[in-house]
Amino acid sequence: MIAPIARVVSDFFTLLMTLVVYGIPNCGTCKKAFAWLEAQDIEYEFVNTKEQPPELAAIATWIAALGIKSMRNTSGQAYRALGEERNSWSDEQWAEVFANEPMLLKRPLFIKDGKAVLVGFRASEAVKLEKLAT
């Protein structure tokens, strides 16, 4: 019984000490981020949000860390289809919408050591990217 518990604890701490990238594999911005991470020799775990949508509790912590405005994928049809009422939604309402429709989450989303550190990707933003390398 001790061995399985030790493995779970070990897996938990490994997850906390890693970089996890949420996105979708065919996203151009995600592809650029993956290429940059690999060029910097930064190891990461990829989570496909279409296949493994994030849970509401995780999304709420990401919103608290990064702010709701930065989390919105405003370039897609799904966002435009929401209508103008989206402008008056609370953070809690947005978290529920993100949980139900992960395509509305801006991508990629970077979680380092269990904490959301960056959303979106531009290789020219070296200061922000330092968060991923340290």
C-alpha atoms as a PDB file:
ATOM      1  CA  MET A   1       0.000   0.000   0.000  1.00  0.00           C
ATOM      2  CA  ILE A   2       2.880   2.398   0.705  1.00  0.00           C
ATOM      3  CA  ALA A   3       4.388   2.040  -2.791  1.00  0.00           C
ATOM      4  CA  PRO A   4       1.273   3.292  -4.670  1.00  0.00           C
ATOM      5  CA  ILE A   5       0.929   6.244  -2.298  1.00  0.00           C
ATOM      6  CA  ALA A   6       4.596   7.118  -2.754  1.00  0.00           C
ATOM      7  CA  ARG A   7       4.160   7.001  -6.541  1.00  0.00           C
ATOM      8  CA  VAL A   8       1.136   9.325  -6.382  1.00  0.00           C
ATOM      9  CA  VAL A   9       3.065  11.769  -4.209  1.00  0.00           C
ATOM     10  CA  SER A  10       6.051  11.564  -6.565  1.00  0.00           C
ATOM     11  CA  ASP A  11       3.845  12.161  -9.622  1.00  0.00           C
ATOM     12  CA  PHE A  12       2.218  15.136  -7.888  1.00  0.00           C
ATOM     13  CA  PHE A  13       5.557  16.796  -7.134  1.00  0.00           C
ATOM     14  CA  THR A  14       6.819  16.086 -10.645  1.00  0.00           C
ATOM     15  CA  LEU A  15       3.754  17.867 -12.032  1.00  0.00           C
ATOM     16  CA  LEU A  16       4.371  20.856  -9.773  1.00  0.00           C
ATOM     17  CA  MET A  17       7.948  21.155 -10.994  1.00  0.00           C
ATOM     18  CA  THR A  18       7.145  21.049 -14.692  1.00  0.00           C
ATOM     19  CA  LEU A  19       5.885  23.300 -17.411  1.00  0.00           C
ATOM     20  CA  VAL A  20       2.451  22.372 -18.712  1.00  0.00           C
ATOM     21  CA  VAL A  21       1.177  23.944 -21.917  1.00  0.00           C
ATOM     22  CA  TYR A  22      -2.571  23.968 -22.626  1.00  0.00           C
ATOM     23  CA  GLY A  23      -3.742  24.461 -26.196  1.00  0.00           C
ATOM     24  CA  ILE A  24      -4.664  22.631 -29.356  1.00  0.00           C
ATOM     25  CA  PRO A  25      -2.169  20.916 -31.668  1.00  0.00           C
ATOM     26  CA  ASN A  26      -3.224  22.667 -34.889  1.00  0.00           C
ATOM     27  CA  CYS A  27      -3.101  26.201 -33.415  1.00  0.00           C
ATOM     28  CA  GLY A  28      -0.447  28.276 -35.199  1.00  0.00           C
ATOM     29  CA  THR A  29       0.461  30.194 -32.044  1.00  0.00           C
ATOM     30  CA  CYS A  30       0.817  26.937 -30.100  1.00  0.00           C
ATOM     31  CA  LYS A  31       3.086  25.544 -32.822  1.00  0.00           C
ATOM     32  CA  LYS A  32       5.310  28.628 -32.559  1.00  0.00           C
ATOM     33  CA  ALA A  33       5.443  28.233 -28.781  1.00  0.00           C
ATOM     34  CA  PHE A  34       6.347  24.535 -29.069  1.00  0.00           C
ATOM     35  CA  ALA A  35       9.138  25.366 -31.530  1.00  0.00           C
ATOM     36  CA  TRP A  36      10.473  28.098 -29.224  1.00  0.00           C
ATOM     37  CA  LEU A  37      10.375  25.831 -26.157  1.00  0.00           C
ATOM     38  CA  GLU A  38      12.188  23.084 -28.032  1.00  0.00           C
ATOM     39  CA  ALA A  39      14.807  25.542 -29.369  1.00  0.00           C
ATOM     40  CA  GLN A  40      15.394  26.701 -25.771  1.00  0.00           C
ATOM     41  CA  ASP A  41      15.619  23.046 -24.680  1.00  0.00           C
ATOM     42  CA  ILE A  42      12.732  23.556 -22.244  1.00  0.00           C
ATOM     43  CA  GLU A  43      10.805  20.410 -21.418  1.00  0.00           C
ATOM     44  CA  TYR A  44       7.041  20.657 -21.234  1.00  0.00           C
ATOM     45  CA  GLU A  45       3.912  18.577 -21.073  1.00  0.00           C
ATOM     46  CA  PHE A  46       1.193  19.379 -23.607  1.00  0.00           C
ATOM     47  CA  VAL A  47      -2.514  19.160 -22.752  1.00  0.00           C
ATOM     48  CA  ASN A  48      -4.932  19.266 -25.678  1.00  0.00           C
ATOM     49  CA  THR A  49      -7.850  21.306 -24.380  1.00  0.00           C
ATOM     50  CA  LYS A  50     -10.202  19.847 -26.991  1.00  0.00           C
ATOM     51  CA  GLU A  51      -9.580  16.334 -25.707  1.00  0.00           C
ATOM     52  CA  GLN A  52      -9.005  17.214 -22.033  1.00  0.00           C
ATOM     53  CA  PRO A  53     -10.959  20.373 -21.203  1.00  0.00           C
ATOM     54  CA  PRO A  54      -9.694  22.025 -18.027  1.00  0.00           C
ATOM     55  CA  GLU A  55     -11.843  21.893 -14.922  1.00  0.00           C
ATOM     56  CA  LEU A  56     -13.690  24.913 -13.599  1.00  0.00           C
ATOM     57  CA  ALA A  57     -11.546  25.117 -10.436  1.00  0.00           C
ATOM     58  CA  ALA A  58      -8.321  25.238 -12.469  1.00  0.00           C
ATOM     59  CA  ILE A  59      -9.737  27.888 -14.792  1.00  0.00           C
ATOM     60  CA  ALA A  60     -10.747  30.028 -11.808  1.00  0.00           C
ATOM     61  CA  THR A  61      -7.178  29.964 -10.465  1.00  0.00           C
ATOM     62  CA  TRP A  62      -5.811  30.895 -13.897  1.00  0.00           C
ATOM     63  CA  ILE A  63      -8.189  33.844 -14.112  1.00  0.00           C
ATOM     64  CA  ALA A  64      -7.102  34.976 -10.640  1.00  0.00           C
ATOM     65  CA  ALA A  65      -3.441  34.797 -11.682  1.00  0.00           C
ATOM     66  CA  LEU A  66      -3.608  36.259 -15.189  1.00  0.00           C
ATOM     67  CA  GLY A  67      -6.813  38.295 -15.334  1.00  0.00           C
ATOM     68  CA  ILE A  68      -9.943  37.579 -17.319  1.00  0.00           C
ATOM     69  CA  LYS A  69      -9.151  39.868 -20.249  1.00  0.00           C
ATOM     70  CA  SER A  70      -5.912  38.081 -21.092  1.00  0.00           C
ATOM     71  CA  MET A  71      -7.642  34.683 -20.984  1.00  0.00           C
ATOM     72  CA  ARG A  72     -10.188  35.399 -23.728  1.00  0.00           C
ATOM     73  CA  ASN A  73      -9.599  34.098 -27.236  1.00  0.00           C
ATOM     74  CA  THR A  74     -11.269  37.005 -28.998  1.00  0.00           C
ATOM     75  CA  SER A  75     -10.161  36.048 -32.509  1.00  0.00           C
ATOM     76  CA  GLY A  76     -12.443  33.082 -33.068  1.00  0.00           C
ATOM     77  CA  GLN A  77     -16.007  32.632 -34.251  1.00  0.00           C
ATOM     78  CA  ALA A  78     -16.999  31.120 -30.909  1.00  0.00           C
ATOM     79  CA  TYR A  79     -16.197  34.432 -29.180  1.00  0.00           C
ATOM     80  CA  ARG A  80     -18.122  36.538 -31.691  1.00  0.00           C
ATOM     81  CA  ALA A  81     -21.088  34.171 -31.406  1.00  0.00           C
ATOM     82  CA  LEU A  82     -21.427  35.001 -27.706  1.00  0.00           C
ATOM     83  CA  GLY A  83     -23.032  38.343 -28.445  1.00  0.00           C
ATOM     84  CA  GLU A  84     -22.634  41.666 -26.672  1.00  0.00           C
ATOM     85  CA  GLU A  85     -23.847  40.331 -23.310  1.00  0.00           C
ATOM     86  CA  ARG A  86     -20.332  38.876 -22.903  1.00  0.00           C
ATOM     87  CA  ASN A  87     -19.133  42.390 -22.067  1.00  0.00           C
ATOM     88  CA  SER A  88     -21.009  42.362 -18.764  1.00  0.00           C
ATOM     89  CA  TRP A  89     -20.065  38.855 -17.580  1.00  0.00           C
ATOM     90  CA  SER A  90     -18.321  38.334 -14.255  1.00  0.00           C
ATOM     91  CA  ASP A  91     -15.120  36.337 -13.857  1.00  0.00           C
ATOM     92  CA  GLU A  92     -17.215  33.449 -12.525  1.00  0.00           C
ATOM     93  CA  GLN A  93     -19.446  33.505 -15.586  1.00  0.00           C
ATOM     94  CA  TRP A  94     -16.411  33.540 -17.870  1.00  0.00           C
ATOM     95  CA  ALA A  95     -14.877  30.600 -15.979  1.00  0.00           C
ATOM     96  CA  GLU A  96     -18.048  28.586 -16.563  1.00  0.00           C
ATOM     97  CA  VAL A  97     -18.080  29.512 -20.253  1.00  0.00           C
ATOM     98  CA  PHE A  98     -14.408  28.529 -20.601  1.00  0.00           C
ATOM     99  CA  ALA A  99     -15.094  25.206 -18.877  1.00  0.00           C
ATOM    100  CA  ASN A 100     -17.943  24.469 -21.292  1.00  0.00           C
ATOM    101  CA  GLU A 101     -16.199  25.804 -24.411  1.00  0.00           C
ATOM    102  CA  PRO A 102     -12.392  25.558 -24.075  1.00  0.00           C
ATOM    103  CA  MET A 103     -11.912  27.018 -27.571  1.00  0.00           C
ATOM    104  CA  LEU A 104     -12.717  30.369 -25.959  1.00  0.00           C
ATOM    105  CA  LEU A 105      -9.521  30.146 -23.889  1.00  0.00           C
ATOM    106  CA  LYS A 106      -6.616  32.047 -25.358  1.00  0.00           C
ATOM    107  CA  ARG A 107      -3.771  29.725 -26.187  1.00  0.00           C
ATOM    108  CA  PRO A 108      -1.253  28.590 -25.431  1.00  0.00           C
ATOM    109  CA  LEU A 109      -1.606  28.759 -21.678  1.00  0.00           C
ATOM    110  CA  PHE A 110       1.531  28.066 -19.635  1.00  0.00           C
ATOM    111  CA  ILE A 111       1.393  26.563 -16.143  1.00  0.00           C
ATOM    112  CA  LYS A 112       4.724  26.413 -14.330  1.00  0.00           C
ATOM    113  CA  ASP A 113       5.167  24.721 -10.985  1.00  0.00           C
ATOM    114  CA  GLY A 114       1.378  24.500 -10.716  1.00  0.00           C
ATOM    115  CA  LYS A 115       0.762  28.230 -11.334  1.00  0.00           C
ATOM    116  CA  ALA A 116      -0.474  30.051 -14.439  1.00  0.00           C
ATOM    117  CA  VAL A 117       2.387  32.263 -15.631  1.00  0.00           C
ATOM    118  CA  LEU A 118       1.583  33.258 -19.208  1.00  0.00           C
ATOM    119  CA  VAL A 119      -1.162  33.077 -21.804  1.00  0.00           C
ATOM    120  CA  GLY A 120      -0.571  33.666 -25.503  1.00  0.00           C
ATOM    121  CA  PHE A 121       2.815  33.619 -27.178  1.00  0.00           C
ATOM    122  CA  ARG A 122       5.064  36.050 -28.998  1.00  0.00           C
ATOM    123  CA  ALA A 123       8.711  35.125 -29.320  1.00  0.00           C
ATOM    124  CA  SER A 124       9.546  38.846 -29.351  1.00  0.00           C
ATOM    125  CA  GLU A 125       8.332  39.199 -25.753  1.00  0.00           C
ATOM    126  CA  ALA A 126      11.531  37.872 -24.190  1.00  0.00           C
ATOM    127  CA  VAL A 127      10.817  39.316 -20.741  1.00  0.00           C
ATOM    128  CA  LYS A 128       7.583  37.372 -20.456  1.00  0.00           C
ATOM    129  CA  LEU A 129       9.187  34.232 -21.826  1.00  0.00           C
ATOM    130  CA  GLU A 130      11.833  34.294 -19.099  1.00  0.00           C
ATOM    131  CA  LYS A 131       9.044  33.046 -16.818  1.00  0.00           C
ATOM    132  CA  LEU A 132       9.126  29.785 -18.749  1.00  0.00           C
ATOM    133  CA  ALA A 133      12.874  29.269 -18.705  1.00  0.00           C
ATOM    134  CA  THR A 134      13.595  29.841 -15.032  1.00  0.00           C
END
